[in-house]
Amino acid sequence: MPLLDRNGSAEDRWTRSEGAAIGNIPAALVPWELLVEALDTQEPEQVVGVLIPNNVPFAELAPFLPRLALVAIAFPAYADGRGFSLARQIRRAGFAGEIRASGPLIADQFAYALSCGFDTIELPEANAARQPVPQWLHAKDSFSATYQRGYGESGRNVLDQRRAARAAAPIAAE
């Protein structure tokens, strides 16, 4: 599946493991159901990521975050936005690793996904063919401001812009 980051196409260094045995995989992406077993068998030089459904309660995921390098959130459909909320919770908890959206998102959701804390988006082949990389980049750049505060995009949200304008405006005499 094609992988995008904020600059366009990206190379995927992660190998999906359908089982918990991650023996010689340097960067293993395991399903949520097998995470505990995979972490128990993790070698010191390995990094582990997890692919979670978008309905996993954050409280269940939180204890594992310090041991993970990637959290991939599955989107069953582009209209199911629970993954965006989960990504924000993960970032707010201080997770500095990669957060990936995995599923049939559309280009119009790219800027929002980045502002929610996603680093990468993994698309099914059909979606990538329907909306190629230049369309995703155009959609991302077509928003000059957002309503929510994002990650790594200071000054792009409306609230920060209004505060900066108010601070720069001369004080009116009364």
N, C-alpha and C. Protein backbone atom coordinates (compact mmCIF):
# COMPACT_ATOMS: atom_id res chain seq x y z
N MET A 1 0.84 -1.18 0.00
CA MET A 1 0.00 0.00 0.00
C MET A 1 0.88 1.24 0.00
N PRO A 2 0.54 2.23 -0.82
CA PRO A 2 1.33 3.46 -0.87
C PRO A 2 1.29 4.22 0.46
N LEU A 3 2.40 4.88 0.76
CA LEU A 3 2.54 5.62 2.01
C LEU A 3 2.84 7.07 1.67
N LEU A 4 2.14 7.98 2.35
CA LEU A 4 2.35 9.43 2.17
C LEU A 4 2.77 10.06 3.48
N ASP A 5 3.63 11.06 3.39
CA ASP A 5 3.87 11.93 4.53
C ASP A 5 3.61 13.36 4.06
N ARG A 6 3.88 14.33 4.87
CA ARG A 6 3.54 15.71 4.50
C ARG A 6 4.28 16.22 3.26
N ASN A 7 5.32 15.51 2.83
CA ASN A 7 6.07 15.93 1.64
C ASN A 7 5.73 15.13 0.40
N GLY A 8 4.89 14.12 0.51
CA GLY A 8 4.53 13.29 -0.65
C GLY A 8 4.76 11.82 -0.36
N SER A 9 5.19 11.10 -1.36
CA SER A 9 5.43 9.66 -1.21
C SER A 9 6.55 9.41 -0.21
N ALA A 10 6.37 8.36 0.58
CA ALA A 10 7.38 8.01 1.59
C ALA A 10 7.67 6.52 1.50
N GLU A 11 8.86 6.15 1.95
CA GLU A 11 9.24 4.74 1.97
C GLU A 11 8.82 4.14 3.31
N ASP A 12 8.27 2.95 3.25
CA ASP A 12 7.80 2.28 4.45
C ASP A 12 8.88 1.34 4.96
N ARG A 13 9.41 1.61 6.15
CA ARG A 13 10.46 0.76 6.73
C ARG A 13 9.88 -0.34 7.60
N TRP A 14 8.57 -0.37 7.77
CA TRP A 14 7.91 -1.32 8.65
C TRP A 14 7.48 -2.57 7.90
N THR A 15 7.63 -3.72 8.57
CA THR A 15 7.18 -5.00 8.04
C THR A 15 6.02 -5.48 8.87
N ARG A 16 4.91 -5.77 8.20
CA ARG A 16 3.74 -6.28 8.92
C ARG A 16 3.98 -7.73 9.32
N SER A 17 3.69 -8.01 10.55
CA SER A 17 3.79 -9.37 11.06
C SER A 17 2.39 -9.81 11.47
N GLU A 18 1.92 -10.86 10.85
CA GLU A 18 0.58 -11.35 11.18
C GLU A 18 0.59 -12.22 12.42
N GLY A 19 1.77 -12.57 12.88
CA GLY A 19 1.89 -13.34 14.11
C GLY A 19 2.69 -12.54 15.12
N ALA A 20 2.76 -13.03 16.32
CA ALA A 20 3.49 -12.32 17.35
C ALA A 20 4.99 -12.58 17.27
N ALA A 21 5.40 -13.61 16.53
CA ALA A 21 6.83 -13.92 16.39
C ALA A 21 7.46 -12.89 15.46
N ILE A 22 8.28 -12.02 16.02
CA ILE A 22 8.88 -10.94 15.24
C ILE A 22 10.39 -11.10 15.15
N GLY A 23 10.88 -12.30 15.46
CA GLY A 23 12.29 -12.67 15.52
C GLY A 23 13.29 -11.77 14.84
N ASN A 24 13.37 -11.81 13.52
CA ASN A 24 14.43 -11.08 12.82
C ASN A 24 13.90 -9.87 12.05
N ILE A 25 12.76 -9.38 12.41
CA ILE A 25 12.19 -8.20 11.75
C ILE A 25 12.67 -6.95 12.50
N PRO A 26 13.46 -6.08 11.87
CA PRO A 26 13.99 -4.92 12.60
C PRO A 26 12.92 -3.92 13.03
N ALA A 27 11.89 -3.71 12.19
CA ALA A 27 10.80 -2.80 12.51
C ALA A 27 9.50 -3.55 12.23
N ALA A 28 8.91 -4.12 13.28
CA ALA A 28 7.75 -4.99 13.12
C ALA A 28 6.46 -4.26 13.49
N LEU A 29 5.49 -4.35 12.59
CA LEU A 29 4.16 -3.80 12.83
C LEU A 29 3.23 -4.97 13.10
N VAL A 30 2.72 -5.05 14.33
CA VAL A 30 1.90 -6.19 14.73
C VAL A 30 0.46 -5.75 14.98
N PRO A 31 -0.48 -6.68 14.84
CA PRO A 31 -1.87 -6.36 15.15
C PRO A 31 -2.07 -6.14 16.65
N TRP A 32 -3.08 -5.37 16.99
CA TRP A 32 -3.40 -5.05 18.37
C TRP A 32 -3.53 -6.30 19.24
N GLU A 33 -4.16 -7.32 18.70
CA GLU A 33 -4.40 -8.54 19.48
C GLU A 33 -3.12 -9.25 19.88
N LEU A 34 -2.04 -9.02 19.17
CA LEU A 34 -0.78 -9.72 19.42
C LEU A 34 0.30 -8.83 20.03
N LEU A 35 -0.06 -7.61 20.41
CA LEU A 35 0.93 -6.65 20.89
C LEU A 35 1.67 -7.13 22.13
N VAL A 36 0.96 -7.60 23.12
CA VAL A 36 1.61 -8.00 24.39
C VAL A 36 2.62 -9.10 24.13
N GLU A 37 2.24 -10.10 23.36
CA GLU A 37 3.16 -11.20 23.06
C GLU A 37 4.37 -10.71 22.27
N ALA A 38 4.15 -9.81 21.31
CA ALA A 38 5.27 -9.28 20.52
C ALA A 38 6.23 -8.48 21.38
N LEU A 39 5.71 -7.67 22.29
CA LEU A 39 6.58 -6.89 23.17
C LEU A 39 7.37 -7.79 24.12
N ASP A 40 6.77 -8.91 24.50
CA ASP A 40 7.47 -9.86 25.38
C ASP A 40 8.64 -10.53 24.67
N THR A 41 8.57 -10.68 23.36
CA THR A 41 9.64 -11.35 22.60
C THR A 41 10.54 -10.36 21.86
N GLN A 42 10.33 -9.08 22.06
CA GLN A 42 11.10 -8.05 21.36
C GLN A 42 12.58 -8.10 21.74
N GLU A 43 13.43 -8.06 20.71
CA GLU A 43 14.88 -8.01 20.91
C GLU A 43 15.29 -6.56 21.17
N PRO A 44 16.43 -6.34 21.83
CA PRO A 44 16.85 -4.97 22.16
C PRO A 44 16.99 -4.04 20.95
N GLU A 45 17.40 -4.56 19.81
CA GLU A 45 17.62 -3.69 18.64
C GLU A 45 16.37 -3.52 17.78
N GLN A 46 15.30 -4.18 18.14
CA GLN A 46 14.06 -4.10 17.37
C GLN A 46 13.20 -2.93 17.82
N VAL A 47 12.39 -2.43 16.87
CA VAL A 47 11.35 -1.48 17.21
C VAL A 47 10.02 -2.12 16.85
N VAL A 48 9.03 -1.84 17.66
CA VAL A 48 7.71 -2.45 17.47
C VAL A 48 6.68 -1.35 17.27
N GLY A 49 5.79 -1.61 16.33
CA GLY A 49 4.63 -0.76 16.10
C GLY A 49 3.39 -1.61 16.20
N VAL A 50 2.25 -0.95 16.34
CA VAL A 50 0.99 -1.68 16.46
C VAL A 50 -0.04 -1.08 15.52
N LEU A 51 -0.82 -1.96 14.92
CA LEU A 51 -1.96 -1.56 14.09
C LEU A 51 -3.21 -1.78 14.93
N ILE A 52 -3.90 -0.70 15.23
CA ILE A 52 -5.07 -0.79 16.10
C ILE A 52 -6.34 -0.40 15.35
N PRO A 53 -7.47 -0.98 15.75
CA PRO A 53 -8.74 -0.50 15.22
C PRO A 53 -9.00 0.90 15.77
N ASN A 54 -9.81 1.67 15.08
CA ASN A 54 -10.04 3.04 15.54
C ASN A 54 -10.99 3.12 16.73
N ASN A 55 -11.46 1.99 17.22
CA ASN A 55 -12.34 2.02 18.38
C ASN A 55 -11.67 1.51 19.66
N VAL A 56 -10.36 1.36 19.63
CA VAL A 56 -9.63 0.96 20.85
C VAL A 56 -9.65 2.15 21.81
N PRO A 57 -10.11 1.94 23.04
CA PRO A 57 -10.10 3.04 24.01
C PRO A 57 -8.66 3.47 24.30
N PHE A 58 -8.45 4.77 24.36
CA PHE A 58 -7.12 5.29 24.60
C PHE A 58 -6.53 4.73 25.90
N ALA A 59 -7.34 4.57 26.91
CA ALA A 59 -6.86 4.05 28.20
C ALA A 59 -6.24 2.67 28.07
N GLU A 60 -6.72 1.87 27.14
CA GLU A 60 -6.14 0.53 26.93
C GLU A 60 -4.80 0.61 26.19
N LEU A 61 -4.65 1.60 25.32
CA LEU A 61 -3.42 1.76 24.55
C LEU A 61 -2.32 2.48 25.34
N ALA A 62 -2.69 3.42 26.15
CA ALA A 62 -1.73 4.31 26.83
C ALA A 62 -0.57 3.60 27.53
N PRO A 63 -0.77 2.50 28.26
CA PRO A 63 0.36 1.88 28.95
C PRO A 63 1.45 1.36 28.00
N PHE A 64 1.10 1.11 26.75
CA PHE A 64 2.06 0.56 25.80
C PHE A 64 2.85 1.63 25.05
N LEU A 65 2.39 2.87 25.06
CA LEU A 65 3.00 3.93 24.25
C LEU A 65 4.51 4.09 24.46
N PRO A 66 5.02 4.02 25.69
CA PRO A 66 6.47 4.19 25.85
C PRO A 66 7.31 3.13 25.14
N ARG A 67 6.74 1.98 24.83
CA ARG A 67 7.49 0.89 24.20
C ARG A 67 7.27 0.82 22.70
N LEU A 68 6.45 1.72 22.15
CA LEU A 68 6.12 1.68 20.73
C LEU A 68 6.81 2.78 19.95
N ALA A 69 7.16 2.47 18.71
CA ALA A 69 7.74 3.46 17.81
C ALA A 69 6.74 3.90 16.75
N LEU A 70 5.67 3.14 16.59
CA LEU A 70 4.63 3.45 15.60
C LEU A 70 3.29 3.00 16.13
N VAL A 71 2.29 3.87 15.97
CA VAL A 71 0.91 3.49 16.21
C VAL A 71 0.18 3.75 14.89
N ALA A 72 -0.29 2.68 14.28
CA ALA A 72 -1.06 2.78 13.04
C ALA A 72 -2.53 2.60 13.40
N ILE A 73 -3.35 3.54 13.00
CA ILE A 73 -4.77 3.50 13.32
C ILE A 73 -5.53 3.15 12.05
N ALA A 74 -6.30 2.07 12.11
CA ALA A 74 -7.06 1.61 10.95
C ALA A 74 -8.32 2.45 10.78
N PHE A 75 -8.55 2.90 9.57
CA PHE A 75 -9.77 3.60 9.21
C PHE A 75 -10.58 2.66 8.32
N PRO A 76 -11.72 2.17 8.80
CA PRO A 76 -12.51 1.26 7.96
C PRO A 76 -13.16 1.98 6.79
N ALA A 77 -13.41 3.29 6.92
CA ALA A 77 -14.01 4.09 5.86
C ALA A 77 -13.59 5.54 6.07
N TYR A 78 -13.58 6.31 4.99
CA TYR A 78 -13.15 7.70 5.12
C TYR A 78 -14.12 8.51 5.99
N ALA A 79 -15.37 8.08 6.08
CA ALA A 79 -16.37 8.81 6.85
C ALA A 79 -16.34 8.48 8.34
N ASP A 80 -15.50 7.56 8.76
CA ASP A 80 -15.41 7.17 10.16
C ASP A 80 -14.25 7.93 10.78
N GLY A 81 -14.55 9.00 11.51
CA GLY A 81 -13.51 9.90 12.01
C GLY A 81 -12.97 9.60 13.39
N ARG A 82 -13.31 8.45 13.96
CA ARG A 82 -12.83 8.15 15.32
C ARG A 82 -11.30 8.11 15.39
N GLY A 83 -10.64 7.74 14.31
CA GLY A 83 -9.19 7.68 14.30
C GLY A 83 -8.54 9.04 14.50
N PHE A 84 -9.18 10.10 14.02
CA PHE A 84 -8.64 11.45 14.21
C PHE A 84 -8.61 11.81 15.70
N SER A 85 -9.69 11.50 16.40
CA SER A 85 -9.76 11.78 17.84
C SER A 85 -8.72 10.97 18.60
N LEU A 86 -8.55 9.72 18.21
CA LEU A 86 -7.58 8.86 18.87
C LEU A 86 -6.16 9.38 18.65
N ALA A 87 -5.86 9.84 17.44
CA ALA A 87 -4.52 10.39 17.16
C ALA A 87 -4.24 11.62 18.04
N ARG A 88 -5.22 12.47 18.19
CA ARG A 88 -5.04 13.66 19.05
C ARG A 88 -4.77 13.24 20.49
N GLN A 89 -5.48 12.25 20.99
CA GLN A 89 -5.26 11.78 22.35
C GLN A 89 -3.85 11.22 22.51
N ILE A 90 -3.39 10.49 21.52
CA ILE A 90 -2.05 9.90 21.57
C ILE A 90 -0.99 10.99 21.60
N ARG A 91 -1.13 12.00 20.75
CA ARG A 91 -0.17 13.11 20.75
C ARG A 91 -0.22 13.89 22.06
N ARG A 92 -1.42 14.15 22.55
CA ARG A 92 -1.54 14.90 23.81
C ARG A 92 -0.90 14.15 24.97
N ALA A 93 -0.82 12.83 24.87
CA ALA A 93 -0.18 12.03 25.92
C ALA A 93 1.34 12.10 25.82
N GLY A 94 1.85 12.78 24.81
CA GLY A 94 3.30 12.95 24.67
C GLY A 94 3.98 11.94 23.77
N PHE A 95 3.22 11.15 23.04
CA PHE A 95 3.83 10.16 22.15
C PHE A 95 4.59 10.88 21.04
N ALA A 96 5.88 10.58 20.92
CA ALA A 96 6.74 11.25 19.93
C ALA A 96 7.02 10.37 18.72
N GLY A 97 6.57 9.13 18.73
CA GLY A 97 6.78 8.24 17.60
C GLY A 97 5.88 8.58 16.43
N GLU A 98 5.89 7.71 15.45
CA GLU A 98 5.08 7.91 14.25
C GLU A 98 3.64 7.47 14.50
N ILE A 99 2.71 8.30 14.05
CA ILE A 99 1.30 7.92 14.05
C ILE A 99 0.87 7.86 12.59
N ARG A 100 0.27 6.73 12.23
CA ARG A 100 -0.08 6.46 10.83
C ARG A 100 -1.58 6.20 10.72
N ALA A 101 -2.19 6.81 9.72
CA ALA A 101 -3.57 6.48 9.36
C ALA A 101 -3.49 5.41 8.29
N SER A 102 -4.26 4.36 8.45
CA SER A 102 -4.22 3.26 7.50
C SER A 102 -5.64 2.96 7.03
N GLY A 103 -5.89 3.29 5.77
CA GLY A 103 -7.22 3.02 5.24
C GLY A 103 -7.61 4.00 4.15
N PRO A 104 -8.86 3.94 3.75
CA PRO A 104 -9.33 4.68 2.59
C PRO A 104 -9.67 6.14 2.86
N LEU A 105 -8.71 6.91 3.35
CA LEU A 105 -8.95 8.34 3.52
C LEU A 105 -8.97 9.00 2.14
N ILE A 106 -9.42 10.24 2.11
CA ILE A 106 -9.43 11.00 0.86
C ILE A 106 -8.53 12.22 1.02
N ALA A 107 -8.11 12.77 -0.10
CA ALA A 107 -7.16 13.87 -0.09
C ALA A 107 -7.65 15.07 0.72
N ASP A 108 -8.94 15.32 0.71
CA ASP A 108 -9.47 16.46 1.47
C ASP A 108 -9.26 16.31 2.97
N GLN A 109 -8.94 15.13 3.45
CA GLN A 109 -8.70 14.91 4.88
C GLN A 109 -7.23 15.01 5.26
N PHE A 110 -6.36 15.24 4.30
CA PHE A 110 -4.92 15.22 4.54
C PHE A 110 -4.49 16.29 5.54
N ALA A 111 -4.87 17.54 5.30
CA ALA A 111 -4.45 18.62 6.20
C ALA A 111 -4.97 18.38 7.61
N TYR A 112 -6.20 17.92 7.72
CA TYR A 112 -6.77 17.65 9.04
C TYR A 112 -6.04 16.51 9.73
N ALA A 113 -5.72 15.46 8.97
CA ALA A 113 -4.99 14.33 9.55
C ALA A 113 -3.65 14.80 10.12
N LEU A 114 -2.94 15.62 9.37
CA LEU A 114 -1.66 16.13 9.86
C LEU A 114 -1.84 16.98 11.10
N SER A 115 -2.88 17.81 11.14
CA SER A 115 -3.09 18.67 12.30
C SER A 115 -3.55 17.87 13.52
N CYS A 116 -4.09 16.69 13.32
CA CYS A 116 -4.48 15.83 14.45
C CYS A 116 -3.29 15.05 15.00
N GLY A 117 -2.17 15.06 14.31
CA GLY A 117 -0.98 14.38 14.82
C GLY A 117 -0.48 13.24 13.97
N PHE A 118 -1.17 12.92 12.88
CA PHE A 118 -0.69 11.86 12.00
C PHE A 118 0.58 12.32 11.28
N ASP A 119 1.52 11.39 11.13
CA ASP A 119 2.75 11.65 10.37
C ASP A 119 2.65 11.09 8.96
N THR A 120 1.98 9.95 8.83
CA THR A 120 1.89 9.27 7.55
C THR A 120 0.48 8.74 7.33
N ILE A 121 0.18 8.51 6.05
CA ILE A 121 -1.10 7.91 5.66
C ILE A 121 -0.79 6.78 4.70
N GLU A 122 -1.31 5.61 5.04
CA GLU A 122 -1.15 4.41 4.23
C GLU A 122 -2.48 4.17 3.51
N LEU A 123 -2.43 4.21 2.19
CA LEU A 123 -3.65 4.12 1.39
C LEU A 123 -3.80 2.78 0.69
N PRO A 124 -5.02 2.31 0.54
CA PRO A 124 -5.23 1.16 -0.34
C PRO A 124 -4.90 1.57 -1.78
N GLU A 125 -4.47 0.61 -2.58
CA GLU A 125 -4.07 0.89 -3.96
C GLU A 125 -5.15 1.64 -4.75
N ALA A 126 -6.41 1.24 -4.58
CA ALA A 126 -7.50 1.86 -5.34
C ALA A 126 -7.63 3.34 -5.01
N ASN A 127 -7.49 3.69 -3.75
CA ASN A 127 -7.57 5.10 -3.36
C ASN A 127 -6.39 5.89 -3.89
N ALA A 128 -5.21 5.31 -3.84
CA ALA A 128 -4.02 5.99 -4.34
C ALA A 128 -4.11 6.21 -5.84
N ALA A 129 -4.71 5.27 -6.55
CA ALA A 129 -4.87 5.42 -8.00
C ALA A 129 -5.90 6.50 -8.32
N ARG A 130 -6.94 6.58 -7.52
CA ARG A 130 -8.01 7.55 -7.77
C ARG A 130 -7.56 8.97 -7.43
N GLN A 131 -6.72 9.11 -6.41
CA GLN A 131 -6.22 10.42 -6.00
C GLN A 131 -4.70 10.33 -5.86
N PRO A 132 -3.96 10.64 -6.92
CA PRO A 132 -2.49 10.52 -6.86
C PRO A 132 -1.86 11.56 -5.92
N VAL A 133 -0.59 11.35 -5.63
CA VAL A 133 0.15 12.17 -4.66
C VAL A 133 0.02 13.67 -4.91
N PRO A 134 0.16 14.17 -6.15
CA PRO A 134 0.02 15.63 -6.33
C PRO A 134 -1.33 16.17 -5.86
N GLN A 135 -2.37 15.38 -5.98
CA GLN A 135 -3.68 15.81 -5.51
C GLN A 135 -3.71 15.92 -3.99
N TRP A 136 -3.05 14.99 -3.31
CA TRP A 136 -2.96 15.05 -1.85
C TRP A 136 -2.18 16.29 -1.40
N LEU A 137 -1.07 16.56 -2.06
CA LEU A 137 -0.26 17.72 -1.68
C LEU A 137 -1.00 19.02 -1.94
N HIS A 138 -1.73 19.08 -3.05
CA HIS A 138 -2.52 20.28 -3.36
C HIS A 138 -3.60 20.47 -2.29
N ALA A 139 -4.28 19.38 -1.92
CA ALA A 139 -5.32 19.48 -0.90
C ALA A 139 -4.74 19.95 0.43
N LYS A 140 -3.58 19.45 0.78
CA LYS A 140 -2.93 19.86 2.05
C LYS A 140 -2.61 21.34 2.04
N ASP A 141 -2.09 21.82 0.92
CA ASP A 141 -1.67 23.22 0.83
C ASP A 141 -2.80 24.19 0.55
N SER A 142 -3.99 23.68 0.28
CA SER A 142 -5.10 24.58 -0.06
C SER A 142 -5.73 25.22 1.18
N PHE A 143 -5.37 24.75 2.36
CA PHE A 143 -5.87 25.34 3.60
C PHE A 143 -4.78 26.22 4.20
N SER A 144 -5.03 27.51 4.29
CA SER A 144 -4.02 28.40 4.86
C SER A 144 -4.15 28.48 6.38
N ALA A 145 -5.32 28.10 6.90
CA ALA A 145 -5.53 28.13 8.34
C ALA A 145 -6.48 27.01 8.73
N THR A 146 -6.38 26.62 9.99
CA THR A 146 -7.28 25.59 10.51
C THR A 146 -7.98 26.15 11.75
N TYR A 147 -9.03 25.51 12.16
CA TYR A 147 -9.71 25.94 13.39
C TYR A 147 -9.11 25.29 14.63
N GLN A 148 -8.57 24.10 14.49
CA GLN A 148 -8.00 23.42 15.63
C GLN A 148 -6.48 23.62 15.65
N ARG A 149 -5.93 23.56 16.85
CA ARG A 149 -4.48 23.64 16.97
C ARG A 149 -3.89 22.33 16.53
N GLY A 150 -2.86 22.40 15.71
CA GLY A 150 -2.24 21.20 15.20
C GLY A 150 -0.90 20.94 15.82
N TYR A 151 -0.21 19.97 15.26
CA TYR A 151 1.09 19.57 15.75
C TYR A 151 2.12 19.92 14.69
N GLY A 152 3.13 20.70 15.07
CA GLY A 152 4.18 21.06 14.13
C GLY A 152 3.76 22.12 13.14
N GLU A 153 2.66 22.80 13.39
CA GLU A 153 2.18 23.81 12.45
C GLU A 153 1.77 25.07 13.21
N SER A 154 2.64 25.59 14.04
CA SER A 154 2.26 26.73 14.86
C SER A 154 1.93 27.92 13.98
N GLY A 155 0.93 28.67 14.40
CA GLY A 155 0.53 29.86 13.67
C GLY A 155 -0.45 29.63 12.55
N ARG A 156 -0.77 28.38 12.24
CA ARG A 156 -1.71 28.11 11.15
C ARG A 156 -3.15 28.12 11.61
N ASN A 157 -3.39 28.03 12.92
CA ASN A 157 -4.78 27.98 13.34
C ASN A 157 -5.32 29.39 13.56
N VAL A 158 -6.62 29.52 13.40
CA VAL A 158 -7.29 30.81 13.45
C VAL A 158 -7.09 31.49 14.81
N LEU A 159 -7.17 30.74 15.89
CA LEU A 159 -7.01 31.32 17.22
C LEU A 159 -5.64 31.97 17.38
N ASP A 160 -4.57 31.28 17.00
CA ASP A 160 -3.22 31.86 17.11
C ASP A 160 -3.06 33.08 16.21
N GLN A 161 -3.66 33.04 15.03
CA GLN A 161 -3.57 34.19 14.12
C GLN A 161 -4.29 35.41 14.70
N ARG A 162 -5.46 35.18 15.31
CA ARG A 162 -6.20 36.29 15.92
C ARG A 162 -5.44 36.86 17.11
N ARG A 163 -4.86 35.99 17.92
CA ARG A 163 -4.08 36.47 19.07
C ARG A 163 -2.87 37.28 18.62
N ALA A 164 -2.20 36.82 17.59
CA ALA A 164 -1.03 37.54 17.08
C ALA A 164 -1.45 38.89 16.50
N ALA A 165 -2.56 38.94 15.80
CA ALA A 165 -3.04 40.20 15.23
C ALA A 165 -3.42 41.17 16.34
N ARG A 166 -4.07 40.65 17.38
CA ARG A 166 -4.48 41.51 18.52
C ARG A 166 -3.25 42.05 19.22
N ALA A 167 -2.21 41.23 19.38
CA ALA A 167 -1.00 41.68 20.06
C ALA A 167 -0.24 42.71 19.25
N ALA A 168 -0.33 42.62 17.92
CA ALA A 168 0.41 43.54 17.06
C ALA A 168 -0.36 44.84 16.81
N ALA A 169 -1.65 44.85 17.07
CA ALA A 169 -2.46 46.03 16.81
C ALA A 169 -2.17 47.12 17.85
N PRO A 170 -2.15 48.35 17.40
CA PRO A 170 -1.94 49.45 18.38
C PRO A 170 -3.14 49.55 19.31
N ILE A 171 -2.87 49.96 20.53
CA ILE A 171 -3.94 50.10 21.51
C ILE A 171 -4.66 51.40 21.22
N ALA A 172 -5.97 51.30 21.07
CA ALA A 172 -6.77 52.50 20.75
C ALA A 172 -6.95 53.34 21.99
N ALA A 173 -6.83 54.65 21.80
CA ALA A 173 -7.03 55.57 22.91
C ALA A 173 -8.52 55.71 23.18
N GLU A 174 -8.87 55.77 24.45
CA GLU A 174 -10.29 55.88 24.79
C GLU A 174 -10.64 57.26 25.18
